[in-house]
N, C-alpha and C. Protein backbone atom coordinates (compact mmCIF):
# COMPACT_ATOMS: atom_id res chain seq x y z
N UNK A 1 128.60 113.82 -31.32
CA UNK A 1 128.09 114.89 -31.24
C UNK A 1 128.76 116.04 -31.18
N UNK A 2 129.00 117.37 -32.19
CA UNK A 2 129.90 118.31 -32.42
C UNK A 2 129.66 119.52 -31.24
N UNK A 3 130.02 120.19 -30.69
CA UNK A 3 130.44 120.92 -29.78
C UNK A 3 128.91 122.22 -29.94
N UNK A 4 129.03 122.69 -31.30
CA UNK A 4 127.22 123.31 -31.42
C UNK A 4 126.43 122.60 -31.16
N UNK A 5 126.45 121.33 -31.50
CA UNK A 5 125.00 120.87 -30.89
C UNK A 5 124.97 120.70 -29.79
N UNK A 6 125.87 120.43 -29.28
CA UNK A 6 125.78 119.92 -27.69
C UNK A 6 125.26 121.33 -27.13
N UNK A 7 125.65 123.10 -27.38
CA UNK A 7 125.88 123.84 -27.40
C UNK A 7 124.10 124.38 -27.11
N UNK A 8 123.54 123.86 -28.38
CA UNK A 8 122.43 123.83 -28.72
C UNK A 8 121.30 123.26 -28.08
N UNK A 9 121.84 121.78 -27.93
CA UNK A 9 120.95 120.91 -26.63
C UNK A 9 120.74 120.80 -25.85
N UNK A 10 121.49 121.71 -24.68
CA UNK A 10 121.63 122.84 -23.88
C UNK A 10 120.91 123.46 -23.47
N UNK A 11 121.34 124.13 -24.26
CA UNK A 11 120.27 125.32 -24.66
C UNK A 11 118.60 125.41 -24.66
N UNK A 12 118.28 123.91 -25.69
CA UNK A 12 116.18 123.80 -25.43
C UNK A 12 116.40 123.30 -24.17
N UNK A 13 116.87 122.29 -23.64
CA UNK A 13 116.99 121.92 -22.02
C UNK A 13 116.90 122.80 -20.52
N UNK A 14 117.77 124.27 -21.05
CA UNK A 14 117.18 124.80 -20.31
C UNK A 14 115.69 125.45 -20.63
N UNK A 15 115.45 125.46 -21.71
CA UNK A 15 114.44 126.67 -22.47
C UNK A 15 113.09 125.69 -21.62
N UNK A 16 113.14 124.01 -22.11
CA UNK A 16 112.15 123.33 -21.37
C UNK A 16 111.57 123.37 -20.23
N UNK A 17 113.20 123.35 -18.84
CA UNK A 17 113.18 123.29 -18.15
C UNK A 17 112.02 124.44 -17.27
N UNK A 18 113.00 125.84 -17.95
CA UNK A 18 111.75 127.37 -17.86
C UNK A 18 110.03 127.13 -18.22
N UNK A 19 109.93 126.69 -19.26
CA UNK A 19 108.44 126.40 -19.79
C UNK A 19 107.90 125.23 -18.66
N UNK A 20 108.29 124.33 -18.20
CA UNK A 20 107.60 123.44 -17.05
C UNK A 20 107.32 123.93 -15.98
N UNK A 21 108.12 124.70 -15.83
CA UNK A 21 108.29 125.71 -14.29
C UNK A 21 106.74 126.73 -14.19
N UNK A 22 107.08 126.65 -15.25
CA UNK A 22 105.94 127.84 -15.65
C UNK A 22 104.60 127.53 -16.11
N UNK A 23 104.79 126.16 -16.72
CA UNK A 23 103.22 125.54 -17.14
C UNK A 23 102.21 125.31 -15.70
N UNK A 24 102.22 125.37 -14.20
CA UNK A 24 101.29 125.31 -13.27
C UNK A 24 100.64 126.20 -13.82
N UNK A 25 101.43 127.73 -13.99
CA UNK A 25 100.55 128.97 -13.55
C UNK A 25 99.31 129.22 -15.49
N UNK A 26 100.47 128.91 -16.52
CA UNK A 26 99.43 128.75 -16.96
C UNK A 26 98.31 127.96 -17.48
N UNK A 27 98.26 126.44 -17.00
CA UNK A 27 97.22 126.02 -16.88
C UNK A 27 96.19 126.85 -15.85
N UNK A 28 96.21 127.23 -15.26
CA UNK A 28 95.61 127.97 -14.00
C UNK A 28 94.47 129.22 -14.76
N UNK A 29 95.06 129.04 -16.25
CA UNK A 29 93.69 130.33 -16.74
C UNK A 29 93.52 129.20 -17.84
N UNK A 30 93.30 128.07 -17.70
CA UNK A 30 92.90 127.14 -18.98
C UNK A 30 93.45 127.50 -20.30
N UNK A 31 94.93 127.63 -19.91
CA UNK A 31 95.98 127.57 -21.50
C UNK A 31 97.04 126.18 -21.15
N UNK A 32 97.56 126.20 -22.13
CA UNK A 32 98.83 125.52 -22.35
C UNK A 32 99.96 125.96 -23.13
N UNK A 33 100.93 125.46 -22.90
CA UNK A 33 102.10 125.67 -24.00
C UNK A 33 103.20 124.71 -24.00
N UNK A 34 103.52 124.97 -25.94
CA UNK A 34 103.92 123.68 -25.74
C UNK A 34 105.32 123.84 -26.77
N UNK A 35 106.55 123.51 -26.73
CA UNK A 35 107.66 124.35 -27.29
C UNK A 35 107.87 123.63 -28.59
N UNK A 36 107.85 124.52 -29.43
CA UNK A 36 108.13 123.93 -31.31
C UNK A 36 109.02 123.87 -31.36
N UNK A 37 110.32 125.44 -31.07
CA UNK A 37 111.95 125.12 -31.61
C UNK A 37 112.61 126.64 -31.32
N UNK A 38 113.97 126.18 -30.72
CA UNK A 38 113.98 127.12 -30.92
C UNK A 38 115.66 127.59 -31.92
N UNK A 39 115.60 128.97 -32.46
CA UNK A 39 116.07 129.38 -33.45
C UNK A 39 117.56 130.13 -33.30
N UNK A 40 119.19 129.20 -33.07
CA UNK A 40 120.39 129.54 -31.77
C UNK A 40 120.68 130.99 -33.46
N UNK A 41 120.58 130.87 -34.64
CA UNK A 41 120.74 131.84 -35.19
C UNK A 41 119.49 133.18 -34.68
N UNK A 42 118.60 133.33 -35.20
CA UNK A 42 117.80 134.05 -34.64
C UNK A 42 117.55 134.85 -33.31
N UNK A 43 117.99 133.39 -32.44
CA UNK A 43 118.20 133.60 -30.96
C UNK A 43 116.50 133.94 -30.14
N UNK A 44 115.70 132.70 -31.00
CA UNK A 44 114.18 133.30 -30.70
C UNK A 44 114.14 131.68 -30.37
N UNK A 45 113.05 131.71 -29.43
CA UNK A 45 112.40 130.42 -28.69
C UNK A 45 110.61 130.48 -29.73
N UNK A 46 110.41 129.77 -30.60
CA UNK A 46 108.70 129.21 -30.96
C UNK A 46 108.26 128.68 -30.16
N UNK A 47 107.02 128.75 -29.80
CA UNK A 47 106.12 128.26 -28.87
C UNK A 47 104.81 127.99 -29.39
N UNK A 48 103.93 127.41 -28.76
CA UNK A 48 102.58 127.53 -29.31
C UNK A 48 101.84 127.35 -27.98
N UNK A 49 101.24 128.66 -27.98
CA UNK A 49 100.18 128.50 -27.22
C UNK A 49 98.89 127.94 -27.36
N UNK A 50 98.23 127.10 -26.15
CA UNK A 50 96.70 126.64 -26.71
C UNK A 50 95.77 126.94 -25.33
N UNK A 51 94.59 125.98 -25.27
CA UNK A 51 93.32 126.51 -24.82
C UNK A 51 93.17 127.72 -24.57
N UNK A 52 92.53 128.32 -23.33
CA UNK A 52 92.54 129.28 -23.08
C UNK A 52 93.46 130.79 -24.31
N UNK A 53 94.52 130.06 -23.45
CA UNK A 53 95.91 131.46 -23.86
C UNK A 53 95.74 131.35 -25.39
N UNK A 54 95.10 130.39 -26.14
CA UNK A 54 95.24 130.76 -27.70
C UNK A 54 94.80 131.82 -27.50
N UNK A 55 93.53 132.11 -27.89
CA UNK A 55 92.85 133.47 -28.31
C UNK A 55 92.25 134.37 -27.14
N UNK A 56 93.66 134.35 -26.14
CA UNK A 56 93.28 135.21 -25.03
C UNK A 56 93.82 136.81 -26.13
N UNK A 57 93.20 137.77 -25.27
CA UNK A 57 93.64 139.14 -25.59
C UNK A 57 95.22 139.65 -24.95
N UNK A 58 95.65 139.06 -24.11
CA UNK A 58 96.66 138.98 -23.42
C UNK A 58 97.97 137.99 -23.65
N UNK A 59 97.96 138.00 -25.17
CA UNK A 59 98.64 136.85 -25.13
C UNK A 59 99.91 137.40 -25.52
N UNK A 60 100.16 138.98 -26.28
CA UNK A 60 101.28 139.34 -26.16
C UNK A 60 102.12 139.43 -25.15
N UNK A 61 101.29 140.03 -24.00
CA UNK A 61 101.72 140.50 -22.90
C UNK A 61 102.36 139.04 -21.91
N UNK A 62 101.40 138.21 -22.26
CA UNK A 62 102.29 136.59 -21.78
C UNK A 62 103.69 136.57 -22.33
N UNK A 63 103.59 136.28 -23.67
CA UNK A 63 104.39 135.79 -23.91
C UNK A 63 106.13 136.55 -23.57
N UNK A 64 106.31 138.09 -23.69
CA UNK A 64 107.14 139.25 -23.84
C UNK A 64 107.39 139.34 -22.47
N UNK A 65 106.52 139.31 -21.32
CA UNK A 65 106.29 140.31 -19.94
C UNK A 65 106.76 139.11 -19.01
N UNK A 66 106.02 137.88 -19.99
CA UNK A 66 106.03 136.74 -18.68
C UNK A 66 106.99 135.91 -18.95
N UNK A 67 106.65 134.73 -20.11
CA UNK A 67 107.77 133.40 -20.53
C UNK A 67 108.89 134.22 -21.28
N UNK A 68 109.02 135.21 -21.81
CA UNK A 68 110.48 135.86 -22.29
C UNK A 68 111.26 136.38 -21.27
N UNK A 69 110.73 137.01 -20.09
CA UNK A 69 111.17 137.71 -19.45
C UNK A 69 112.12 136.17 -18.05
N UNK A 70 111.35 135.43 -17.94
CA UNK A 70 111.69 134.17 -17.82
C UNK A 70 112.75 133.67 -17.88
N UNK A 71 112.82 133.39 -19.36
CA UNK A 71 113.09 132.14 -20.56
C UNK A 71 114.37 132.96 -20.24
N UNK A 72 114.98 134.38 -20.93
CA UNK A 72 115.76 135.22 -21.22
C UNK A 72 116.86 135.49 -19.83
N UNK A 73 116.38 135.46 -18.72
CA UNK A 73 117.34 135.61 -17.35
C UNK A 73 117.51 134.15 -17.57
N UNK A 74 117.40 132.87 -17.52
CA UNK A 74 118.06 131.53 -17.09
C UNK A 74 118.76 131.81 -18.47
N UNK A 75 118.35 131.30 -19.84
CA UNK A 75 119.32 131.09 -20.52
C UNK A 75 118.97 132.81 -22.09
N UNK A 76 120.63 133.49 -21.46
CA UNK A 76 120.06 134.74 -21.92
C UNK A 76 120.14 134.83 -23.12
N UNK A 77 120.78 133.38 -23.58
CA UNK A 77 120.60 133.49 -25.76
C UNK A 77 119.63 133.61 -26.06
N UNK A 78 118.79 133.63 -25.71
CA UNK A 78 117.18 133.61 -25.84
C UNK A 78 117.02 135.44 -25.80
N UNK A 79 116.62 136.06 -26.80
CA UNK A 79 115.80 137.03 -27.23
C UNK A 79 114.48 137.50 -27.42
N UNK A 80 114.83 136.09 -28.34
CA UNK A 80 112.46 137.05 -28.53
C UNK A 80 112.31 135.42 -28.53
N UNK A 81 110.15 135.68 -28.42
CA UNK A 81 109.81 134.65 -28.84
C UNK A 81 108.32 134.61 -29.36
N UNK A 82 108.11 133.64 -30.19
CA UNK A 82 106.90 133.78 -30.88
C UNK A 82 106.22 132.64 -31.20
N UNK A 83 105.00 133.29 -31.16
CA UNK A 83 103.76 132.39 -30.64
C UNK A 83 103.50 131.39 -32.05
N UNK A 84 103.47 130.44 -32.32
CA UNK A 84 103.25 129.47 -33.61
C UNK A 84 101.87 128.97 -33.73
N UNK A 85 100.62 129.65 -33.51
CA UNK A 85 99.28 129.31 -34.00
C UNK A 85 99.05 127.50 -34.69
N UNK A 86 97.68 127.25 -33.72
CA UNK A 86 97.74 125.84 -34.41
C UNK A 86 97.49 125.93 -36.25
C-alpha cells in the first residue's frame, strides 16, 4: 500500500471512530448513520442518515453543526459532509 492510500485509510478510520462515538446520540432520536465514503480531493465525507433522521427537518443542522464539527475537530482534513439519501 502506498503512502497516499495509507493516509486515506487512517483518515477513514478516524472518521469511523467519531461516527461510532456519535451513533448512540443519533440512535436515541430514532435514527442511525452509515458511513458511505470519504473523498480526499473534495475533503468531503458522505454519509447516509437513516430512520427518523432520514426525513428530519433538522437534518442539515445535525450534519453541519453536529457531525461535521465533531469529525473536523478530530480529522482536520474533513471540510464538508453530505447526506446521500437512500
